[in-house]
Amino acid sequence: MSKNIVKKIPISNLSRKIIDLRTGLGAVKLKPVVKKISLVYSVKNDNAGARYFKKENLPRIIYNNPGLPIEVSVLKEKGVKPTLTIEFGIVIDI
């Protein structure tokens, strides 16, 4: 009787990053009606949510929507309220 031996193949760092980009929060293919995404926040203010979004979610959105223009503005001034703007356009199917 032979036993099936399952050997785990190590995953490279590149493979791990690609898997991470394809899954998780933000890993969505947006509809063509979304025309642009803009993120504005300040470095010196308490903008932890905006910084987290830029670090964790934005790379996944960029990976899954390569043609979507994404603009990130990091301001040095204090008191800037973080803003995420999503611009929509009209898509007409004929």
N, C-alpha and C. Protein backbone atom coordinates (compact mmCIF):
# COMPACT_ATOMS: atom_id res chain seq x y z
N MET A 1 0.85 -1.17 0.00
CA MET A 1 0.00 0.00 0.00
C MET A 1 0.90 1.23 0.00
N SER A 2 0.69 2.09 -0.95
CA SER A 2 1.51 3.30 -1.01
C SER A 2 0.74 4.48 -0.44
N LYS A 3 1.49 5.32 0.21
CA LYS A 3 0.88 6.53 0.77
C LYS A 3 1.13 7.69 -0.17
N ASN A 4 0.11 8.50 -0.31
CA ASN A 4 0.28 9.72 -1.10
C ASN A 4 1.02 10.74 -0.24
N ILE A 5 2.11 11.18 -0.75
CA ILE A 5 2.89 12.17 -0.01
C ILE A 5 2.64 13.53 -0.65
N VAL A 6 2.12 14.41 0.14
CA VAL A 6 1.86 15.76 -0.33
C VAL A 6 2.99 16.64 0.14
N LYS A 7 3.66 17.21 -0.82
CA LYS A 7 4.78 18.08 -0.49
C LYS A 7 4.38 19.51 -0.79
N LYS A 8 4.56 20.37 0.18
CA LYS A 8 4.22 21.77 -0.02
C LYS A 8 5.33 22.45 -0.80
N ILE A 9 4.93 23.11 -1.85
CA ILE A 9 5.89 23.86 -2.66
C ILE A 9 5.93 25.28 -2.12
N PRO A 10 7.12 25.78 -1.82
CA PRO A 10 7.19 27.13 -1.28
C PRO A 10 6.76 28.16 -2.33
N ILE A 11 6.04 29.15 -1.87
CA ILE A 11 5.56 30.22 -2.74
C ILE A 11 6.58 31.35 -2.70
N SER A 12 6.95 31.82 -3.87
CA SER A 12 7.92 32.92 -3.93
C SER A 12 7.25 34.22 -3.47
N ASN A 13 8.07 35.19 -3.14
CA ASN A 13 7.54 36.49 -2.72
C ASN A 13 6.71 37.13 -3.82
N LEU A 14 7.15 37.00 -5.07
CA LEU A 14 6.41 37.57 -6.19
C LEU A 14 5.05 36.91 -6.32
N SER A 15 5.00 35.59 -6.22
CA SER A 15 3.72 34.88 -6.31
C SER A 15 2.79 35.28 -5.17
N ARG A 16 3.35 35.44 -3.99
CA ARG A 16 2.55 35.86 -2.84
C ARG A 16 1.96 37.25 -3.05
N LYS A 17 2.75 38.17 -3.62
CA LYS A 17 2.26 39.53 -3.87
C LYS A 17 1.18 39.54 -4.95
N ILE A 18 1.34 38.72 -5.98
CA ILE A 18 0.32 38.65 -7.03
C ILE A 18 -0.97 38.07 -6.48
N ILE A 19 -0.88 37.05 -5.67
CA ILE A 19 -2.08 36.48 -5.04
C ILE A 19 -2.76 37.53 -4.17
N ASP A 20 -1.96 38.30 -3.44
CA ASP A 20 -2.50 39.36 -2.59
C ASP A 20 -3.20 40.43 -3.41
N LEU A 21 -2.65 40.77 -4.59
CA LEU A 21 -3.28 41.77 -5.44
C LEU A 21 -4.59 41.29 -6.03
N ARG A 22 -4.69 40.00 -6.27
CA ARG A 22 -5.90 39.44 -6.88
C ARG A 22 -7.01 39.17 -5.89
N THR A 23 -6.70 39.16 -4.59
CA THR A 23 -7.71 38.85 -3.58
C THR A 23 -7.72 39.95 -2.52
N GLY A 24 -8.72 39.92 -1.68
CA GLY A 24 -8.78 40.87 -0.57
C GLY A 24 -9.58 42.12 -0.88
N LEU A 25 -9.61 43.02 0.08
CA LEU A 25 -10.36 44.26 -0.08
C LEU A 25 -9.77 45.11 -1.20
N GLY A 26 -10.63 45.59 -2.06
CA GLY A 26 -10.17 46.44 -3.16
C GLY A 26 -9.87 45.67 -4.43
N ALA A 27 -9.85 44.35 -4.39
CA ALA A 27 -9.55 43.55 -5.58
C ALA A 27 -10.82 43.36 -6.40
N VAL A 28 -11.28 44.44 -6.99
CA VAL A 28 -12.51 44.39 -7.78
C VAL A 28 -12.27 45.03 -9.15
N LYS A 29 -12.96 44.50 -10.14
CA LYS A 29 -12.96 45.09 -11.46
C LYS A 29 -14.13 46.07 -11.50
N LEU A 30 -13.81 47.36 -11.56
CA LEU A 30 -14.86 48.38 -11.56
C LEU A 30 -15.53 48.46 -12.92
N LYS A 31 -16.78 48.89 -12.92
CA LYS A 31 -17.52 49.01 -14.16
C LYS A 31 -16.98 50.19 -14.97
N PRO A 32 -17.18 50.17 -16.29
CA PRO A 32 -16.64 51.24 -17.14
C PRO A 32 -17.22 52.62 -16.85
N VAL A 33 -18.29 52.68 -16.09
CA VAL A 33 -18.88 53.97 -15.76
C VAL A 33 -17.98 54.78 -14.81
N VAL A 34 -17.07 54.11 -14.09
CA VAL A 34 -16.12 54.80 -13.21
C VAL A 34 -15.00 55.34 -14.09
N LYS A 35 -14.82 56.66 -14.09
CA LYS A 35 -13.85 57.30 -14.97
C LYS A 35 -12.54 57.69 -14.29
N LYS A 36 -12.57 57.98 -12.98
CA LYS A 36 -11.37 58.42 -12.29
C LYS A 36 -11.55 58.29 -10.78
N ILE A 37 -10.44 58.02 -10.08
CA ILE A 37 -10.43 57.99 -8.63
C ILE A 37 -9.34 58.95 -8.16
N SER A 38 -9.69 59.82 -7.21
CA SER A 38 -8.73 60.77 -6.64
C SER A 38 -8.72 60.65 -5.13
N LEU A 39 -7.52 60.67 -4.55
CA LEU A 39 -7.35 60.62 -3.10
C LEU A 39 -6.47 61.78 -2.68
N VAL A 40 -6.95 62.58 -1.74
CA VAL A 40 -6.19 63.71 -1.21
C VAL A 40 -6.15 63.58 0.31
N TYR A 41 -4.93 63.67 0.87
CA TYR A 41 -4.79 63.64 2.33
C TYR A 41 -3.51 64.33 2.73
N SER A 42 -3.39 64.60 4.01
CA SER A 42 -2.23 65.30 4.56
C SER A 42 -1.33 64.33 5.30
N VAL A 43 -0.03 64.55 5.18
CA VAL A 43 0.94 63.72 5.89
C VAL A 43 0.91 64.01 7.39
N LYS A 44 0.76 65.28 7.74
CA LYS A 44 0.92 65.69 9.14
C LYS A 44 -0.35 65.58 9.97
N ASN A 45 -1.43 65.23 9.37
CA ASN A 45 -2.69 65.15 10.10
C ASN A 45 -2.98 63.69 10.45
N ASP A 46 -3.98 63.46 11.24
CA ASP A 46 -4.38 62.10 11.58
C ASP A 46 -5.20 61.51 10.44
N ASN A 47 -4.52 61.07 9.40
CA ASN A 47 -5.18 60.50 8.23
C ASN A 47 -4.82 59.04 8.07
N ALA A 48 -4.92 58.30 9.15
CA ALA A 48 -4.54 56.88 9.13
C ALA A 48 -5.40 56.09 8.15
N GLY A 49 -6.67 56.40 8.07
CA GLY A 49 -7.56 55.69 7.16
C GLY A 49 -7.16 55.89 5.71
N ALA A 50 -6.81 57.11 5.35
CA ALA A 50 -6.40 57.41 3.97
C ALA A 50 -5.06 56.74 3.65
N ARG A 51 -4.14 56.77 4.60
CA ARG A 51 -2.84 56.12 4.40
C ARG A 51 -3.01 54.61 4.27
N TYR A 52 -3.89 54.02 5.07
CA TYR A 52 -4.17 52.59 4.98
C TYR A 52 -4.78 52.25 3.62
N PHE A 53 -5.73 53.06 3.17
CA PHE A 53 -6.37 52.84 1.88
C PHE A 53 -5.33 52.88 0.76
N LYS A 54 -4.42 53.85 0.83
CA LYS A 54 -3.38 53.98 -0.20
C LYS A 54 -2.44 52.77 -0.18
N LYS A 55 -2.10 52.29 0.98
CA LYS A 55 -1.14 51.19 1.10
C LYS A 55 -1.76 49.83 0.80
N GLU A 56 -2.96 49.59 1.28
CA GLU A 56 -3.56 48.25 1.19
C GLU A 56 -4.54 48.08 0.03
N ASN A 57 -5.44 49.04 -0.18
CA ASN A 57 -6.52 48.86 -1.15
C ASN A 57 -6.19 49.40 -2.53
N LEU A 58 -5.52 50.53 -2.60
CA LEU A 58 -5.26 51.17 -3.88
C LEU A 58 -4.42 50.30 -4.82
N PRO A 59 -3.38 49.60 -4.35
CA PRO A 59 -2.65 48.72 -5.27
C PRO A 59 -3.53 47.63 -5.90
N ARG A 60 -4.49 47.13 -5.15
CA ARG A 60 -5.40 46.11 -5.68
C ARG A 60 -6.33 46.70 -6.73
N ILE A 61 -6.81 47.93 -6.48
CA ILE A 61 -7.67 48.60 -7.46
C ILE A 61 -6.89 48.87 -8.73
N ILE A 62 -5.64 49.34 -8.60
CA ILE A 62 -4.81 49.62 -9.77
C ILE A 62 -4.53 48.34 -10.55
N TYR A 63 -4.22 47.25 -9.87
CA TYR A 63 -3.92 45.98 -10.53
C TYR A 63 -5.11 45.46 -11.32
N ASN A 64 -6.30 45.55 -10.74
CA ASN A 64 -7.50 45.01 -11.36
C ASN A 64 -8.16 45.96 -12.35
N ASN A 65 -7.73 47.23 -12.39
CA ASN A 65 -8.28 48.23 -13.30
C ASN A 65 -7.13 49.03 -13.92
N PRO A 66 -6.34 48.40 -14.80
CA PRO A 66 -5.13 49.04 -15.29
C PRO A 66 -5.37 50.32 -16.10
N GLY A 67 -6.51 50.47 -16.74
CA GLY A 67 -6.78 51.65 -17.55
C GLY A 67 -7.42 52.80 -16.80
N LEU A 68 -7.71 52.62 -15.53
CA LEU A 68 -8.39 53.63 -14.73
C LEU A 68 -7.41 54.67 -14.21
N PRO A 69 -7.62 55.96 -14.54
CA PRO A 69 -6.72 56.98 -13.99
C PRO A 69 -6.95 57.15 -12.49
N ILE A 70 -5.87 57.08 -11.73
CA ILE A 70 -5.93 57.24 -10.28
C ILE A 70 -4.94 58.31 -9.88
N GLU A 71 -5.41 59.29 -9.14
CA GLU A 71 -4.59 60.42 -8.72
C GLU A 71 -4.52 60.45 -7.20
N VAL A 72 -3.29 60.51 -6.66
CA VAL A 72 -3.08 60.58 -5.22
C VAL A 72 -2.29 61.85 -4.92
N SER A 73 -2.84 62.70 -4.05
CA SER A 73 -2.16 63.93 -3.65
C SER A 73 -1.92 63.88 -2.15
N VAL A 74 -0.64 63.93 -1.78
CA VAL A 74 -0.26 63.95 -0.37
C VAL A 74 0.25 65.35 -0.07
N LEU A 75 -0.52 66.08 0.75
CA LEU A 75 -0.18 67.47 1.04
C LEU A 75 0.60 67.59 2.34
N LYS A 76 1.45 68.58 2.42
CA LYS A 76 2.26 68.80 3.63
C LYS A 76 1.58 69.73 4.62
N GLU A 77 0.48 70.34 4.24
CA GLU A 77 -0.21 71.27 5.12
C GLU A 77 -1.02 70.53 6.17
N LYS A 78 -1.18 71.16 7.33
CA LYS A 78 -2.01 70.60 8.38
C LYS A 78 -3.47 70.95 8.13
N GLY A 79 -4.35 70.17 8.70
CA GLY A 79 -5.77 70.48 8.66
C GLY A 79 -6.48 70.11 7.37
N VAL A 80 -5.86 69.34 6.52
CA VAL A 80 -6.49 68.91 5.27
C VAL A 80 -7.34 67.68 5.57
N LYS A 81 -8.61 67.80 5.25
CA LYS A 81 -9.52 66.67 5.46
C LYS A 81 -9.32 65.66 4.34
N PRO A 82 -9.10 64.38 4.66
CA PRO A 82 -8.90 63.39 3.60
C PRO A 82 -10.16 63.24 2.74
N THR A 83 -9.93 63.18 1.43
CA THR A 83 -11.04 63.11 0.50
C THR A 83 -10.79 62.04 -0.56
N LEU A 84 -11.75 61.17 -0.75
CA LEU A 84 -11.71 60.19 -1.82
C LEU A 84 -12.82 60.55 -2.79
N THR A 85 -12.45 60.84 -4.03
CA THR A 85 -13.42 61.25 -5.05
C THR A 85 -13.46 60.19 -6.14
N ILE A 86 -14.65 59.75 -6.47
CA ILE A 86 -14.85 58.81 -7.56
C ILE A 86 -15.70 59.50 -8.61
N GLU A 87 -15.13 59.67 -9.80
CA GLU A 87 -15.85 60.34 -10.89
C GLU A 87 -16.50 59.29 -11.78
N PHE A 88 -17.76 59.56 -12.11
CA PHE A 88 -18.52 58.66 -12.95
C PHE A 88 -18.79 59.34 -14.28
N GLY A 89 -18.87 58.57 -15.35
CA GLY A 89 -19.24 59.08 -16.66
C GLY A 89 -20.46 58.32 -17.14
N ILE A 90 -20.95 58.75 -18.27
CA ILE A 90 -22.13 58.11 -18.83
C ILE A 90 -21.68 57.10 -19.88
N VAL A 91 -22.18 55.89 -19.76
CA VAL A 91 -21.90 54.85 -20.74
C VAL A 91 -23.22 54.54 -21.45
N ILE A 92 -23.18 54.68 -22.77
CA ILE A 92 -24.40 54.42 -23.56
C ILE A 92 -24.14 53.18 -24.40
N ASP A 93 -24.95 52.15 -24.19
CA ASP A 93 -24.86 50.93 -24.99
C ASP A 93 -25.82 51.05 -26.16
N ILE A 94 -25.28 50.86 -27.36
CA ILE A 94 -26.13 50.96 -28.55
C ILE A 94 -26.18 49.61 -29.23
